[in-house]
């Protein structure tokens, strides 16, 4: 039977008298990207710190590639790569100097360090910056160096904490592409509070709120759960607000510009079909239409209300 890459059972942790997480269970048995979603203070950081061996749990067990993290921490940590939200980069070192230092910290044997270094640089697209001081790299390339140190020892599990935070749009696209590449042959846990990041990258999602897992399923299942509640339209000849409110199920209308309108509705079936039909019939000249999903805060609130509270 194939070992699970991550197996977490009844994981709980208490700070002083308050439980930060309670009875977390999690299995990851395949390569690919798993999204770990949660609002600020939900318990994401505590969970990640325990998974990476930086914090000992109060209760429960963590196995990484079949190794008990608490009983055999050194061997288990050989299987883990971690990129914190603020990568621990040494700005006055070159890329090669820094990654060589990381290779030795990861206990890579001396004769294998150069090969591991070159492989990590090649995979992260930073080989041409080998002799560049890290302080002279852009934010996107610093993040690539951070990812390189997380994979230099070829771990089975890589944990990334808000890896696109603070990057510009082009850098975000580049880092997303890199994360997809490294997830081909390992499991990646991608922690974020931004729903769109998870929707773009992840095939599975695990959602923590108030210290408990409130959702654990595929991205497709999550998308089916998040019901649309408004529709965004662009029309060349939009009608008055009163006319739009006559549509079945319409509850509110906001004119964002002269031609762009957001219409809120109460879950009426086939709302887009009704709008398109009305546009053709009444000459609204509809050019674009798209359903808006619920905001992440709304989803958190709804899922949290369906789960037992942390005591």
C-alpha atoms as a PDB file:
ATOM      1  CA  UNK A   1       0.000   0.000   0.000  1.00  0.00           C
ATOM      2  CA  UNK A   2       1.380   3.420  -1.016  1.00  0.00           C
ATOM      3  CA  UNK A   3       2.349   5.743   1.838  1.00  0.00           C
ATOM      4  CA  UNK A   4       0.296   8.880   2.301  1.00  0.00           C
ATOM      5  CA  UNK A   5       2.396  12.002   1.862  1.00  0.00           C
ATOM      6  CA  UNK A   6       0.609  13.720   4.758  1.00  0.00           C
ATOM      7  CA  UNK A   7      -1.570  12.115   7.427  1.00  0.00           C
ATOM      8  CA  UNK A   8      -2.844  14.322  10.252  1.00  0.00           C
ATOM      9  CA  UNK A   9      -5.042  12.809  12.963  1.00  0.00           C
ATOM     10  CA  UNK A  10      -6.916  14.658  15.718  1.00  0.00           C
ATOM     11  CA  UNK A  11      -4.447  17.542  15.706  1.00  0.00           C
ATOM     12  CA  UNK A  12      -5.043  20.143  18.424  1.00  0.00           C
ATOM     13  CA  UNK A  13      -2.945  22.904  19.929  1.00  0.00           C
ATOM     14  CA  UNK A  14      -3.509  25.152  22.906  1.00  0.00           C
ATOM     15  CA  UNK A  15      -1.861  28.500  23.681  1.00  0.00           C
ATOM     16  CA  UNK A  16      -2.261  29.123  27.415  1.00  0.00           C
ATOM     17  CA  UNK A  17      -5.957  28.337  27.993  1.00  0.00           C
ATOM     18  CA  UNK A  18      -7.232  28.881  24.443  1.00  0.00           C
ATOM     19  CA  UNK A  19      -7.338  26.230  21.705  1.00  0.00           C
ATOM     20  CA  UNK A  20      -5.868  27.593  18.453  1.00  0.00           C
ATOM     21  CA  UNK A  21      -6.842  24.485  16.485  1.00  0.00           C
ATOM     22  CA  UNK A  22      -9.042  21.573  17.513  1.00  0.00           C
ATOM     23  CA  UNK A  23      -9.336  18.056  16.096  1.00  0.00           C
ATOM     24  CA  UNK A  24      -7.810  18.728  12.667  1.00  0.00           C
ATOM     25  CA  UNK A  25      -7.766  15.677  10.372  1.00  0.00           C
ATOM     26  CA  UNK A  26      -6.118  15.791   6.978  1.00  0.00           C
ATOM     27  CA  UNK A  27      -4.910  13.257   4.390  1.00  0.00           C
ATOM     28  CA  UNK A  28      -2.872  14.049   1.270  1.00  0.00           C
ATOM     29  CA  UNK A  29      -2.026  10.981  -0.771  1.00  0.00           C
ATOM     30  CA  UNK A  30      -1.232  12.431  -4.211  1.00  0.00           C
ATOM     31  CA  UNK A  31       1.020  14.986  -5.838  1.00  0.00           C
ATOM     32  CA  UNK A  32      -0.526  18.330  -6.774  1.00  0.00           C
ATOM     33  CA  UNK A  33      -1.601  21.502  -5.002  1.00  0.00           C
ATOM     34  CA  UNK A  34      -3.882  21.564  -1.969  1.00  0.00           C
ATOM     35  CA  UNK A  35      -5.223  24.952  -0.903  1.00  0.00           C
ATOM     36  CA  UNK A  36      -5.280  25.760   2.806  1.00  0.00           C
ATOM     37  CA  UNK A  37      -7.750  28.606   3.218  1.00  0.00           C
ATOM     38  CA  UNK A  38      -8.586  30.558   6.317  1.00  0.00           C
ATOM     39  CA  UNK A  39      -9.234  34.070   7.542  1.00  0.00           C
ATOM     40  CA  UNK A  40      -6.740  35.824   9.816  1.00  0.00           C
ATOM     41  CA  UNK A  41      -6.581  34.039  13.185  1.00  0.00           C
ATOM     42  CA  UNK A  42      -8.359  30.944  11.854  1.00  0.00           C
ATOM     43  CA  UNK A  43      -5.500  28.574  12.739  1.00  0.00           C
ATOM     44  CA  UNK A  44      -3.637  28.302   9.413  1.00  0.00           C
ATOM     45  CA  UNK A  45      -0.255  29.389  10.757  1.00  0.00           C
ATOM     46  CA  UNK A  46      -0.480  27.099  13.778  1.00  0.00           C
ATOM     47  CA  UNK A  47      -1.347  24.161  11.514  1.00  0.00           C
ATOM     48  CA  UNK A  48       1.523  24.927   9.120  1.00  0.00           C
ATOM     49  CA  UNK A  49       4.040  25.399  11.930  1.00  0.00           C
ATOM     50  CA  UNK A  50       3.115  21.985  13.334  1.00  0.00           C
ATOM     51  CA  UNK A  51       3.211  20.347   9.885  1.00  0.00           C
ATOM     52  CA  UNK A  52       6.705  21.748   9.302  1.00  0.00           C
ATOM     53  CA  UNK A  53       8.002  20.727  12.710  1.00  0.00           C
ATOM     54  CA  UNK A  54       8.432  24.266  14.039  1.00  0.00           C
ATOM     55  CA  UNK A  55       5.858  23.730  16.794  1.00  0.00           C
ATOM     56  CA  UNK A  56       4.957  20.687  18.892  1.00  0.00           C
ATOM     57  CA  UNK A  57       1.230  20.005  19.011  1.00  0.00           C
ATOM     58  CA  UNK A  58      -0.699  19.613  22.249  1.00  0.00           C
ATOM     59  CA  UNK A  59      -2.604  16.590  20.944  1.00  0.00           C
ATOM     60  CA  UNK A  60      -2.734  14.425  17.838  1.00  0.00           C
ATOM     61  CA  UNK A  61      -0.238  12.979  15.358  1.00  0.00           C
ATOM     62  CA  UNK A  62       1.396  14.065  12.095  1.00  0.00           C
ATOM     63  CA  UNK A  63       2.972  11.613   9.661  1.00  0.00           C
ATOM     64  CA  UNK A  64       5.002  12.860   6.677  1.00  0.00           C
ATOM     65  CA  UNK A  65       5.586  10.169   4.046  1.00  0.00           C
ATOM     66  CA  UNK A  66       4.851   7.574   6.712  1.00  0.00           C
ATOM     67  CA  UNK A  67       7.230   9.042   9.332  1.00  0.00           C
ATOM     68  CA  UNK A  68       5.900  10.249  12.685  1.00  0.00           C
ATOM     69  CA  UNK A  69       7.022  13.881  12.882  1.00  0.00           C
ATOM     70  CA  UNK A  70       7.173  14.009  16.674  1.00  0.00           C
ATOM     71  CA  UNK A  71       8.902  10.658  17.197  1.00  0.00           C
ATOM     72  CA  UNK A  72      11.420  11.025  14.353  1.00  0.00           C
ATOM     73  CA  UNK A  73      11.628  14.770  13.597  1.00  0.00           C
ATOM     74  CA  UNK A  74      14.954  14.804  11.740  1.00  0.00           C
ATOM     75  CA  UNK A  75      13.951  12.088   9.277  1.00  0.00           C
ATOM     76  CA  UNK A  76      10.463  13.546   8.830  1.00  0.00           C
ATOM     77  CA  UNK A  77      11.835  17.031   8.134  1.00  0.00           C
ATOM     78  CA  UNK A  78      13.959  15.624   5.316  1.00  0.00           C
ATOM     79  CA  UNK A  79      10.623  15.135   3.545  1.00  0.00           C
ATOM     80  CA  UNK A  80       9.437  18.752   4.070  1.00  0.00           C
ATOM     81  CA  UNK A  81      10.193  22.034   2.318  1.00  0.00           C
ATOM     82  CA  UNK A  82       8.828  25.291   3.727  1.00  0.00           C
ATOM     83  CA  UNK A  83       8.521  28.813   2.338  1.00  0.00           C
ATOM     84  CA  UNK A  84       7.281  31.205   5.058  1.00  0.00           C
ATOM     85  CA  UNK A  85       5.379  34.356   4.143  1.00  0.00           C
ATOM     86  CA  UNK A  86       8.620  36.313   4.626  1.00  0.00           C
ATOM     87  CA  UNK A  87      11.358  34.096   3.115  1.00  0.00           C
ATOM     88  CA  UNK A  88      14.476  33.809   5.311  1.00  0.00           C
ATOM     89  CA  UNK A  89      16.851  35.238   2.697  1.00  0.00           C
ATOM     90  CA  UNK A  90      20.351  36.542   3.449  1.00  0.00           C
ATOM     91  CA  UNK A  91      20.542  39.687   1.334  1.00  0.00           C
ATOM     92  CA  UNK A  92      24.347  39.963   1.339  1.00  0.00           C
ATOM     93  CA  UNK A  93      24.870  36.462  -0.082  1.00  0.00           C
ATOM     94  CA  UNK A  94      24.795  35.534  -3.748  1.00  0.00           C
ATOM     95  CA  UNK A  95      22.145  33.093  -4.941  1.00  0.00           C
ATOM     96  CA  UNK A  96      24.733  30.284  -5.062  1.00  0.00           C
ATOM     97  CA  UNK A  97      26.100  31.079  -1.611  1.00  0.00           C
ATOM     98  CA  UNK A  98      22.654  31.148  -0.051  1.00  0.00           C
ATOM     99  CA  UNK A  99      21.409  27.937  -1.689  1.00  0.00           C
ATOM    100  CA  UNK A 100      24.658  26.136  -0.812  1.00  0.00           C
ATOM    101  CA  UNK A 101      24.128  27.172   2.809  1.00  0.00           C
ATOM    102  CA  UNK A 102      20.537  25.839   2.627  1.00  0.00           C
ATOM    103  CA  UNK A 103      21.746  22.556   1.118  1.00  0.00           C
ATOM    104  CA  UNK A 104      24.058  21.956   4.071  1.00  0.00           C
ATOM    105  CA  UNK A 105      21.293  22.890   6.520  1.00  0.00           C
ATOM    106  CA  UNK A 106      19.184  20.222   4.815  1.00  0.00           C
ATOM    107  CA  UNK A 107      21.972  17.672   5.419  1.00  0.00           C
ATOM    108  CA  UNK A 108      22.589  17.025   1.731  1.00  0.00           C
ATOM    109  CA  UNK A 109      25.832  15.076   1.407  1.00  0.00           C
ATOM    110  CA  UNK A 110      28.742  17.214   0.246  1.00  0.00           C
ATOM    111  CA  UNK A 111      29.254  15.354  -3.032  1.00  0.00           C
ATOM    112  CA  UNK A 112      25.589  15.908  -3.976  1.00  0.00           C
ATOM    113  CA  UNK A 113      25.319  19.616  -3.073  1.00  0.00           C
ATOM    114  CA  UNK A 114      26.366  20.987  -6.483  1.00  0.00           C
ATOM    115  CA  UNK A 115      23.895  18.778  -8.375  1.00  0.00           C
ATOM    116  CA  UNK A 116      21.077  19.689  -5.972  1.00  0.00           C
ATOM    117  CA  UNK A 117      21.960  23.387  -6.300  1.00  0.00           C
ATOM    118  CA  UNK A 118      21.938  23.356 -10.096  1.00  0.00           C
ATOM    119  CA  UNK A 119      18.692  21.376 -10.254  1.00  0.00           C
ATOM    120  CA  UNK A 120      16.872  23.774  -7.884  1.00  0.00           C
ATOM    121  CA  UNK A 121      18.136  26.844  -9.775  1.00  0.00           C
ATOM    122  CA  UNK A 122      17.128  25.361 -13.120  1.00  0.00           C
ATOM    123  CA  UNK A 123      13.646  24.426 -11.911  1.00  0.00           C
ATOM    124  CA  UNK A 124      13.081  27.897 -10.442  1.00  0.00           C
ATOM    125  CA  UNK A 125      14.500  29.813 -13.428  1.00  0.00           C
ATOM    126  CA  UNK A 126      17.302  31.549 -11.496  1.00  0.00           C
ATOM    127  CA  UNK A 127      20.435  29.878 -12.930  1.00  0.00           C
ATOM    128  CA  UNK A 128      21.424  33.093 -14.742  1.00  0.00           C
ATOM    129  CA  UNK A 129      21.484  34.935 -11.370  1.00  0.00           C
ATOM    130  CA  UNK A 130      23.881  32.514  -9.646  1.00  0.00           C
ATOM    131  CA  UNK A 131      26.439  35.194  -8.743  1.00  0.00           C
ATOM    132  CA  UNK A 132      23.933  38.013  -8.150  1.00  0.00           C
ATOM    133  CA  UNK A 133      23.510  39.324  -4.603  1.00  0.00           C
ATOM    134  CA  UNK A 134      20.018  38.514  -3.373  1.00  0.00           C
ATOM    135  CA  UNK A 135      19.480  42.151  -2.359  1.00  0.00           C
ATOM    136  CA  UNK A 136      19.803  43.103  -6.045  1.00  0.00           C
ATOM    137  CA  UNK A 137      17.018  40.781  -7.210  1.00  0.00           C
ATOM    138  CA  UNK A 138      13.423  41.856  -7.858  1.00  0.00           C
ATOM    139  CA  UNK A 139      10.644  40.709  -5.531  1.00  0.00           C
ATOM    140  CA  UNK A 140       9.591  37.991  -7.960  1.00  0.00           C
ATOM    141  CA  UNK A 141      13.088  36.538  -8.234  1.00  0.00           C
ATOM    142  CA  UNK A 142      13.621  36.687  -4.478  1.00  0.00           C
ATOM    143  CA  UNK A 143      10.479  34.590  -4.173  1.00  0.00           C
ATOM    144  CA  UNK A 144      11.943  32.134  -6.696  1.00  0.00           C
ATOM    145  CA  UNK A 145      15.073  31.862  -4.544  1.00  0.00           C
ATOM    146  CA  UNK A 146      12.820  31.207  -1.541  1.00  0.00           C
ATOM    147  CA  UNK A 147      11.051  28.415  -3.435  1.00  0.00           C
ATOM    148  CA  UNK A 148      14.426  27.007  -4.546  1.00  0.00           C
ATOM    149  CA  UNK A 149      15.552  26.609  -0.918  1.00  0.00           C
ATOM    150  CA  UNK A 150      12.276  24.810  -0.172  1.00  0.00           C
ATOM    151  CA  UNK A 151      12.839  22.178  -2.903  1.00  0.00           C
ATOM    152  CA  UNK A 152      16.645  21.858  -2.956  1.00  0.00           C
ATOM    153  CA  UNK A 153      16.544  18.599  -0.946  1.00  0.00           C
ATOM    154  CA  UNK A 154      13.721  17.180  -3.137  1.00  0.00           C
ATOM    155  CA  UNK A 155      11.098  16.853  -0.399  1.00  0.00           C
ATOM    156  CA  UNK A 156       7.845  14.952  -0.767  1.00  0.00           C
ATOM    157  CA  UNK A 157       5.894  17.877   0.744  1.00  0.00           C
ATOM    158  CA  UNK A 158       6.335  21.618   0.127  1.00  0.00           C
ATOM    159  CA  UNK A 159       4.406  24.118   2.266  1.00  0.00           C
ATOM    160  CA  UNK A 160       4.024  27.633   0.834  1.00  0.00           C
ATOM    161  CA  UNK A 161       2.664  30.420   3.036  1.00  0.00           C
ATOM    162  CA  UNK A 162       1.142  33.287   0.999  1.00  0.00           C
ATOM    163  CA  UNK A 163       3.807  32.870  -1.754  1.00  0.00           C
ATOM    164  CA  UNK A 164       2.357  35.586  -4.041  1.00  0.00           C
ATOM    165  CA  UNK A 165       1.880  38.186  -1.304  1.00  0.00           C
ATOM    166  CA  UNK A 166       3.353  41.579  -2.258  1.00  0.00           C
ATOM    167  CA  UNK A 167       4.133  40.666  -5.886  1.00  0.00           C
ATOM    168  CA  UNK A 168       2.982  42.643  -8.924  1.00  0.00           C
ATOM    169  CA  UNK A 169       0.542  41.009 -11.415  1.00  0.00           C
ATOM    170  CA  UNK A 170       3.272  39.776 -13.782  1.00  0.00           C
ATOM    171  CA  UNK A 171       5.302  38.327 -10.919  1.00  0.00           C
ATOM    172  CA  UNK A 172       2.195  36.604  -9.544  1.00  0.00           C
ATOM    173  CA  UNK A 173       1.627  34.867 -12.917  1.00  0.00           C
ATOM    174  CA  UNK A 174       5.269  33.724 -13.019  1.00  0.00           C
ATOM    175  CA  UNK A 175       5.233  32.361  -9.453  1.00  0.00           C
ATOM    176  CA  UNK A 176       1.905  30.590 -10.060  1.00  0.00           C
ATOM    177  CA  UNK A 177       3.431  28.866 -13.091  1.00  0.00           C
ATOM    178  CA  UNK A 178       6.461  27.822 -11.052  1.00  0.00           C
ATOM    179  CA  UNK A 179       4.286  26.399  -8.260  1.00  0.00           C
ATOM    180  CA  UNK A 180       2.351  24.319 -10.805  1.00  0.00           C
ATOM    181  CA  UNK A 181       5.629  22.936 -12.156  1.00  0.00           C
ATOM    182  CA  UNK A 182       7.039  21.899  -8.777  1.00  0.00           C
ATOM    183  CA  UNK A 183       3.707  20.257  -7.858  1.00  0.00           C
ATOM    184  CA  UNK A 184       4.027  17.769 -10.713  1.00  0.00           C
ATOM    185  CA  UNK A 185       6.121  15.360  -8.629  1.00  0.00           C
ATOM    186  CA  UNK A 186       5.358  16.375  -5.023  1.00  0.00           C
ATOM    187  CA  UNK A 187       2.502  17.503  -2.797  1.00  0.00           C
ATOM    188  CA  UNK A 188       2.216  21.256  -2.272  1.00  0.00           C
ATOM    189  CA  UNK A 189       0.174  22.899   0.493  1.00  0.00           C
ATOM    190  CA  UNK A 190      -0.634  26.435  -0.593  1.00  0.00           C
ATOM    191  CA  UNK A 191      -1.793  28.634   2.274  1.00  0.00           C
ATOM    192  CA  UNK A 192      -3.685  31.838   1.529  1.00  0.00           C
ATOM    193  CA  UNK A 193      -6.716  33.918   2.475  1.00  0.00           C
ATOM    194  CA  UNK A 194      -7.343  34.879  -1.195  1.00  0.00           C
ATOM    195  CA  UNK A 195     -10.009  32.711  -2.817  1.00  0.00           C
ATOM    196  CA  UNK A 196      -8.998  33.568  -6.404  1.00  0.00           C
ATOM    197  CA  UNK A 197      -5.470  32.221  -5.798  1.00  0.00           C
ATOM    198  CA  UNK A 198      -6.865  28.869  -4.691  1.00  0.00           C
ATOM    199  CA  UNK A 199      -9.316  28.722  -7.601  1.00  0.00           C
ATOM    200  CA  UNK A 200      -6.507  29.253 -10.124  1.00  0.00           C
ATOM    201  CA  UNK A 201      -3.984  26.816  -8.633  1.00  0.00           C
ATOM    202  CA  UNK A 202      -5.525  24.106  -6.492  1.00  0.00           C
ATOM    203  CA  UNK A 203      -7.265  20.814  -7.166  1.00  0.00           C
ATOM    204  CA  UNK A 204      -8.280  20.346  -3.527  1.00  0.00           C
ATOM    205  CA  UNK A 205      -9.202  22.777  -0.786  1.00  0.00           C
ATOM    206  CA  UNK A 206      -9.138  22.548   2.985  1.00  0.00           C
ATOM    207  CA  UNK A 207     -10.733  25.409   4.840  1.00  0.00           C
ATOM    208  CA  UNK A 208      -9.990  26.291   8.472  1.00  0.00           C
ATOM    209  CA  UNK A 209     -12.197  28.595  10.490  1.00  0.00           C
ATOM    210  CA  UNK A 210     -12.128  29.115  14.252  1.00  0.00           C
ATOM    211  CA  UNK A 211      -9.542  26.348  14.597  1.00  0.00           C
ATOM    212  CA  UNK A 212     -11.498  23.628  12.822  1.00  0.00           C
ATOM    213  CA  UNK A 213     -11.694  22.196   9.324  1.00  0.00           C
ATOM    214  CA  UNK A 214     -15.030  23.429   7.977  1.00  0.00           C
ATOM    215  CA  UNK A 215     -14.605  22.247   4.375  1.00  0.00           C
ATOM    216  CA  UNK A 216     -12.445  19.555   2.769  1.00  0.00           C
ATOM    217  CA  UNK A 217     -13.124  18.522  -0.820  1.00  0.00           C
ATOM    218  CA  UNK A 218     -12.159  19.129  -4.438  1.00  0.00           C
ATOM    219  CA  UNK A 219     -12.102  22.586  -5.997  1.00  0.00           C
ATOM    220  CA  UNK A 220     -15.016  21.572  -8.228  1.00  0.00           C
ATOM    221  CA  UNK A 221     -17.101  20.678  -5.178  1.00  0.00           C
ATOM    222  CA  UNK A 222     -16.224  24.011  -3.582  1.00  0.00           C
ATOM    223  CA  UNK A 223     -17.173  25.955  -6.711  1.00  0.00           C
ATOM    224  CA  UNK A 224     -20.529  24.182  -6.737  1.00  0.00           C
ATOM    225  CA  UNK A 225     -21.013  25.120  -3.086  1.00  0.00           C
ATOM    226  CA  UNK A 226     -20.335  28.830  -3.627  1.00  0.00           C
ATOM    227  CA  UNK A 227     -23.613  30.040  -5.060  1.00  0.00           C
ATOM    228  CA  UNK A 228     -23.686  33.169  -7.243  1.00  0.00           C
ATOM    229  CA  UNK A 229     -25.631  36.065  -5.826  1.00  0.00           C
ATOM    230  CA  UNK A 230     -25.149  38.831  -8.383  1.00  0.00           C
ATOM    231  CA  UNK A 231     -24.521  39.304 -12.078  1.00  0.00           C
ATOM    232  CA  UNK A 232     -22.269  41.868 -13.759  1.00  0.00           C
ATOM    233  CA  UNK A 233     -23.415  43.264 -17.123  1.00  0.00           C
ATOM    234  CA  UNK A 234     -22.194  45.728 -19.733  1.00  0.00           C
ATOM    235  CA  UNK A 235     -24.878  47.141 -22.032  1.00  0.00           C
ATOM    236  CA  UNK A 236     -24.727  49.774 -24.759  1.00  0.00           C
ATOM    237  CA  UNK A 237     -28.311  50.845 -24.091  1.00  0.00           C
ATOM    238  CA  UNK A 238     -29.070  49.988 -20.447  1.00  0.00           C
ATOM    239  CA  UNK A 239     -32.610  50.423 -19.107  1.00  0.00           C
ATOM    240  CA  UNK A 240     -33.608  52.336 -15.993  1.00  0.00           C
ATOM    241  CA  UNK A 241     -33.172  50.727 -12.583  1.00  0.00           C
ATOM    242  CA  UNK A 242     -36.922  50.188 -12.205  1.00  0.00           C
ATOM    243  CA  UNK A 243     -37.069  48.132 -15.392  1.00  0.00           C
ATOM    244  CA  UNK A 244     -34.209  45.859 -14.262  1.00  0.00           C
ATOM    245  CA  UNK A 245     -35.885  45.335 -10.883  1.00  0.00           C
ATOM    246  CA  UNK A 246     -38.909  43.907 -12.719  1.00  0.00           C
ATOM    247  CA  UNK A 247     -36.840  40.864 -13.702  1.00  0.00           C
ATOM    248  CA  UNK A 248     -37.944  37.789 -11.668  1.00  0.00           C
ATOM    249  CA  UNK A 249     -35.712  37.398  -8.607  1.00  0.00           C
ATOM    250  CA  UNK A 250     -33.991  40.792  -8.923  1.00  0.00           C
ATOM    251  CA  UNK A 251     -33.491  42.480  -5.541  1.00  0.00           C
ATOM    252  CA  UNK A 252     -31.100  45.391  -6.141  1.00  0.00           C
ATOM    253  CA  UNK A 253     -29.354  47.242  -8.960  1.00  0.00           C
ATOM    254  CA  UNK A 254     -26.060  49.177  -8.832  1.00  0.00           C
ATOM    255  CA  UNK A 255     -24.915  51.261 -11.799  1.00  0.00           C
ATOM    256  CA  UNK A 256     -21.105  51.088 -11.668  1.00  0.00           C
ATOM    257  CA  UNK A 257     -20.740  53.243 -14.810  1.00  0.00           C
ATOM    258  CA  UNK A 258     -23.181  54.475 -17.419  1.00  0.00           C
ATOM    259  CA  UNK A 259     -23.035  51.095 -19.168  1.00  0.00           C
ATOM    260  CA  UNK A 260     -21.856  48.673 -16.470  1.00  0.00           C
ATOM    261  CA  UNK A 261     -24.450  47.337 -14.043  1.00  0.00           C
ATOM    262  CA  UNK A 262     -24.409  44.863 -11.159  1.00  0.00           C
ATOM    263  CA  UNK A 263     -27.765  43.186 -10.517  1.00  0.00           C
ATOM    264  CA  UNK A 264     -28.344  41.288  -7.263  1.00  0.00           C
ATOM    265  CA  UNK A 265     -30.826  38.430  -7.178  1.00  0.00           C
ATOM    266  CA  UNK A 266     -32.265  35.924  -4.716  1.00  0.00           C
ATOM    267  CA  UNK A 267     -31.237  32.685  -6.407  1.00  0.00           C
ATOM    268  CA  UNK A 268     -33.820  32.754  -9.208  1.00  0.00           C
ATOM    269  CA  UNK A 269     -33.092  29.989 -11.745  1.00  0.00           C
ATOM    270  CA  UNK A 270     -31.618  30.909 -15.143  1.00  0.00           C
ATOM    271  CA  UNK A 271     -31.195  34.587 -14.303  1.00  0.00           C
ATOM    272  CA  UNK A 272     -28.642  35.049 -17.095  1.00  0.00           C
ATOM    273  CA  UNK A 273     -31.012  33.514 -19.641  1.00  0.00           C
ATOM    274  CA  UNK A 274     -33.796  35.882 -18.565  1.00  0.00           C
ATOM    275  CA  UNK A 275     -31.482  38.887 -18.832  1.00  0.00           C
ATOM    276  CA  UNK A 276     -30.296  37.876 -22.309  1.00  0.00           C
ATOM    277  CA  UNK A 277     -33.882  37.329 -23.502  1.00  0.00           C
ATOM    278  CA  UNK A 278     -34.993  40.695 -22.092  1.00  0.00           C
ATOM    279  CA  UNK A 279     -32.012  42.434 -23.700  1.00  0.00           C
ATOM    280  CA  UNK A 280     -32.865  41.033 -27.133  1.00  0.00           C
ATOM    281  CA  UNK A 281     -36.555  41.869 -26.732  1.00  0.00           C
ATOM    282  CA  UNK A 282     -36.072  45.396 -25.365  1.00  0.00           C
ATOM    283  CA  UNK A 283     -32.942  46.494 -27.203  1.00  0.00           C
ATOM    284  CA  UNK A 284     -30.538  46.803 -24.228  1.00  0.00           C
ATOM    285  CA  UNK A 285     -27.623  45.724 -26.467  1.00  0.00           C
ATOM    286  CA  UNK A 286     -25.993  43.410 -23.908  1.00  0.00           C
ATOM    287  CA  UNK A 287     -22.249  43.067 -24.617  1.00  0.00           C
ATOM    288  CA  UNK A 288     -20.947  41.156 -21.540  1.00  0.00           C
ATOM    289  CA  UNK A 289     -22.498  39.190 -18.697  1.00  0.00           C
ATOM    290  CA  UNK A 290     -20.920  37.168 -15.866  1.00  0.00           C
ATOM    291  CA  UNK A 291     -22.074  35.654 -12.577  1.00  0.00           C
ATOM    292  CA  UNK A 292     -20.348  36.833  -9.409  1.00  0.00           C
ATOM    293  CA  UNK A 293     -19.621  34.274  -6.717  1.00  0.00           C
ATOM    294  CA  UNK A 294     -20.094  34.910  -3.028  1.00  0.00           C
ATOM    295  CA  UNK A 295     -17.214  36.686  -1.333  1.00  0.00           C
ATOM    296  CA  UNK A 296     -14.798  34.577   0.695  1.00  0.00           C
ATOM    297  CA  UNK A 297     -15.937  36.248   3.930  1.00  0.00           C
ATOM    298  CA  UNK A 298     -19.517  35.190   3.197  1.00  0.00           C
ATOM    299  CA  UNK A 299     -18.399  31.620   2.485  1.00  0.00           C
ATOM    300  CA  UNK A 300     -16.342  31.533   5.700  1.00  0.00           C
ATOM    301  CA  UNK A 301     -19.345  32.739   7.672  1.00  0.00           C
ATOM    302  CA  UNK A 302     -21.709  30.207   6.137  1.00  0.00           C
ATOM    303  CA  UNK A 303     -19.345  27.243   6.527  1.00  0.00           C
ATOM    304  CA  UNK A 304     -18.366  28.294  10.054  1.00  0.00           C
ATOM    305  CA  UNK A 305     -22.004  28.433  11.103  1.00  0.00           C
ATOM    306  CA  UNK A 306     -22.407  24.811   9.978  1.00  0.00           C
ATOM    307  CA  UNK A 307     -19.459  23.544  12.017  1.00  0.00           C
ATOM    308  CA  UNK A 308     -19.108  22.956  15.774  1.00  0.00           C
ATOM    309  CA  UNK A 309     -17.268  25.738  17.579  1.00  0.00           C
ATOM    310  CA  UNK A 310     -13.855  25.432  19.206  1.00  0.00           C
ATOM    311  CA  UNK A 311     -14.146  25.237  22.986  1.00  0.00           C
END
